[in-house]
Structure formats: structure tokens, C-alpha cells
Protein backbone atom coordinates (compact mmCIF):
# COMPACT_ATOMS: atom_id res chain seq x y z
CA MET A 1 0.05 -0.45 -0.08
CA ASN A 2 1.49 3.44 -0.87
CA ILE A 3 1.05 6.53 0.54
CA ASP A 4 -1.22 7.54 -2.57
CA ASN A 5 -4.35 5.06 -1.09
CA ALA A 6 -4.02 5.93 2.20
CA VAL A 7 -4.32 9.12 2.19
CA LEU A 8 -8.04 8.11 0.22
CA ILE A 9 -8.68 5.49 1.96
CA ALA A 10 -8.47 8.23 5.11
CA GLN A 11 -10.57 10.87 3.09
CA GLU A 12 -12.95 7.91 2.84
CA PHE A 13 -13.86 7.84 6.29
CA ASP A 14 -13.07 11.84 7.35
CA GLY A 15 -16.79 11.28 9.29
CA GLY A 16 -18.53 13.95 7.35
CA GLY A 17 -21.64 11.38 6.60
CA ALA A 18 -21.70 11.36 10.60
CA ALA A 19 -21.58 14.97 11.73
CA ALA A 20 -24.42 15.39 9.05
CA ALA A 21 -26.24 13.12 10.45
CA GLY A 22 -25.87 14.22 13.77
CA GLY A 23 -27.02 17.83 13.16
CA ALA A 24 -30.01 17.02 11.33
CA ILE A 25 -30.78 14.84 14.66
CA ALA A 26 -30.40 18.07 16.94
CA MET A 27 -32.55 20.04 14.02
CA VAL A 28 -35.15 17.26 15.90
CA MET A 29 -34.61 18.14 18.90
CA MET A 30 -34.93 20.62 18.59
CA VAL A 31 -37.80 21.17 16.57
CA ILE A 32 -39.48 18.93 19.37
CA TYR A 33 -38.04 21.21 22.66
CA LEU A 34 -39.90 24.04 20.95
CA ALA A 35 -43.11 22.30 20.19
CA VAL A 36 -43.17 21.19 23.89
CA ILE A 37 -42.75 24.59 24.38
CA VAL A 38 -45.23 25.81 22.12
CA LEU A 39 -47.84 23.85 23.59
CA THR A 40 -47.25 24.37 27.35
CA ILE A 41 -47.29 27.68 27.05
CA ILE A 42 -50.74 27.84 24.94
CA GLY A 43 -52.22 25.93 27.62
CA MET A 44 -51.82 27.58 30.61
CA TRP A 45 -52.63 30.68 28.25
CA LYS A 46 -55.82 29.17 27.91
CA ALA A 47 -56.40 27.89 31.74
CA PHE A 48 -55.03 31.83 32.69
CA GLU A 49 -57.74 33.04 30.90
CA LYS A 50 -60.46 30.82 31.97
CA ALA A 51 -59.08 31.79 35.59
CA GLY A 52 -59.84 35.97 34.79
CA LYS A 53 -56.04 36.34 34.55
CA PRO A 54 -53.77 37.77 31.45
CA GLY A 55 -53.55 35.05 29.53
CA TRP A 56 -49.90 36.35 28.00
CA ALA A 57 -48.75 36.14 31.83
CA ALA A 58 -47.95 32.12 30.39
CA ILE A 59 -44.68 33.72 28.90
CA VAL A 60 -43.22 36.18 31.63
CA PRO A 61 -41.03 33.59 33.59
CA ILE A 62 -41.16 34.83 36.97
CA TYR A 63 -45.21 36.60 36.58
CA ASN A 64 -45.91 33.25 36.01
CA VAL A 65 -45.31 31.90 39.43
CA TRP A 66 -46.76 34.92 40.92
CA VAL A 67 -50.10 33.82 38.61
CA LEU A 68 -50.00 30.43 39.11
CA THR A 69 -49.76 31.23 42.81
CA GLU A 70 -52.98 32.93 43.58
CA ILE A 71 -55.09 30.95 41.85
CA SER A 72 -54.05 28.45 43.99
CA GLY A 73 -55.31 30.15 46.13
CA ARG A 74 -51.71 29.64 48.14
CA ASP A 75 -50.18 32.35 50.38
CA VAL A 76 -47.14 34.73 49.18
CA ILE A 77 -44.72 32.74 51.14
CA TRP A 78 -45.17 29.91 48.46
CA PHE A 79 -44.48 32.00 45.71
CA ILE A 80 -40.79 33.12 47.33
CA LEU A 81 -40.71 28.69 48.24
CA CYS A 82 -40.32 28.38 44.26
CA LEU A 83 -37.49 30.49 44.51
CA VAL A 84 -36.22 28.46 46.18
CA PRO A 85 -33.95 25.67 45.19
CA CYS A 86 -34.72 22.32 45.96
CA ILE A 87 -37.47 23.07 48.15
CA ASN A 88 -38.89 24.92 44.77
CA ILE A 89 -39.93 21.45 43.01
CA VAL A 90 -41.93 20.40 46.29
CA ALA A 91 -43.91 23.14 45.78
CA ILE A 92 -44.84 23.95 42.36
CA ILE A 93 -45.91 20.43 42.61
CA LEU A 94 -47.98 22.15 45.74
CA ILE A 95 -49.48 24.90 43.66
CA CYS A 96 -50.21 22.35 40.58
CA ILE A 97 -52.34 20.69 42.47
CA ASP A 98 -54.31 23.43 43.90
CA VAL A 99 -54.43 24.52 40.89
CA ALA A 100 -56.13 21.83 39.27
CA ALA A 101 -58.31 21.72 41.91
CA LYS A 102 -59.12 24.59 41.65
CA PHE A 103 -60.72 23.37 38.39
CA GLY A 104 -62.41 20.24 39.15
CA LYS A 105 -59.82 18.46 39.29
CA GLY A 106 -58.24 15.33 41.06
CA GLY A 107 -54.11 15.29 42.81
CA GLY A 108 -53.09 12.84 39.84
CA PHE A 109 -54.13 16.04 37.57
CA GLY A 110 -51.84 18.28 39.24
CA ILE A 111 -48.85 16.54 39.22
CA GLY A 112 -49.38 16.31 35.88
CA LEU A 113 -49.87 19.22 35.60
CA ALA A 114 -46.08 19.81 37.14
CA PHE A 115 -43.80 17.30 35.34
CA LEU A 116 -45.99 16.95 31.76
CA GLY A 117 -47.27 19.93 31.31
CA PHE A 118 -47.15 20.54 27.96
CA ILE A 119 -49.84 17.36 28.19
CA PHE A 120 -51.80 18.31 31.37
CA TRP A 121 -51.70 22.73 30.40
CA PRO A 122 -53.49 22.38 26.85
CA MET A 123 -56.00 20.43 29.09
CA LEU A 124 -57.07 21.76 31.23
CA GLY A 125 -57.23 24.64 28.98
CA PHE A 126 -58.77 23.97 26.47
CA GLY A 127 -61.00 21.30 28.03
CA ASP A 128 -64.55 21.67 29.48
CA ALA A 129 -63.58 22.38 33.16
CA ARG A 130 -63.80 25.50 34.55
CA TYR A 131 -62.53 28.11 37.30
CA ARG A 132 -63.90 27.41 41.41
CA GLY A 133 -62.32 30.02 42.87
């Protein structure tokens, strides 16, 4: 085998195809991620409107937690707990359970709001649930 053949073989296996496949996978993942975010925001927007709050509050990062706290009927301390690392996980779960209860749904639905929001927020926003605050 001479040097020219070795260079040709190395050029054939430069990994260009793998890089293109990796880029395509990254694009698909980004589209799925954006779809999940959009579904969650649209569902929260409609649920906020059902509760008599401004729908645009769903897209404002800290303010949407404040509105959720108001919808759930919890005190201001729960909003502050949502800002504390590690404690915020438990606080958000309990707030989501209370939000579900205000819409006539059970605790399992509230846990779904917390962990699978892209499914449960549109169900709450576009479903027949009514706010009972």
C-alpha cells in the first residue's frame, strides 16, 4: 500500500456523514423541544384566561409563577418558596395540585400539570374544566 492509497482511504472515512447525521438529529430535537414549549405556553395561556387572569402572563418567567400562586389560592410565602432551590420543586407540585383542584380536577391531574405540562396544560386550557375560585 503506498501513501496515495492511504490518503484516499483516510479521506473516505473522514466522518462527514456522521456529522451531518448528528446535525439532523440536533435539528429534530430542537423542533420537538420548541413544540413542547409552545404547547405548554398555549395551554397555560388558556387556563390563565379561564381563571380570569391575563393570558400573556404565561410567557413572563417569574410573573407566571405569581399568577399560578394566585390561582391556587396559596399565600405569598408559596411564591417565595418557588424561588428557593430544591424547595421550589415541592412548592410547584403543591401549587399545581391546588390549581387542578380549583378547576375541579384531582391530585393526579395536578401532578401531571407539574411534570407533564405539555400534555396537561392544554387539556386544562382547552377542556371543559371551569375555574371554581
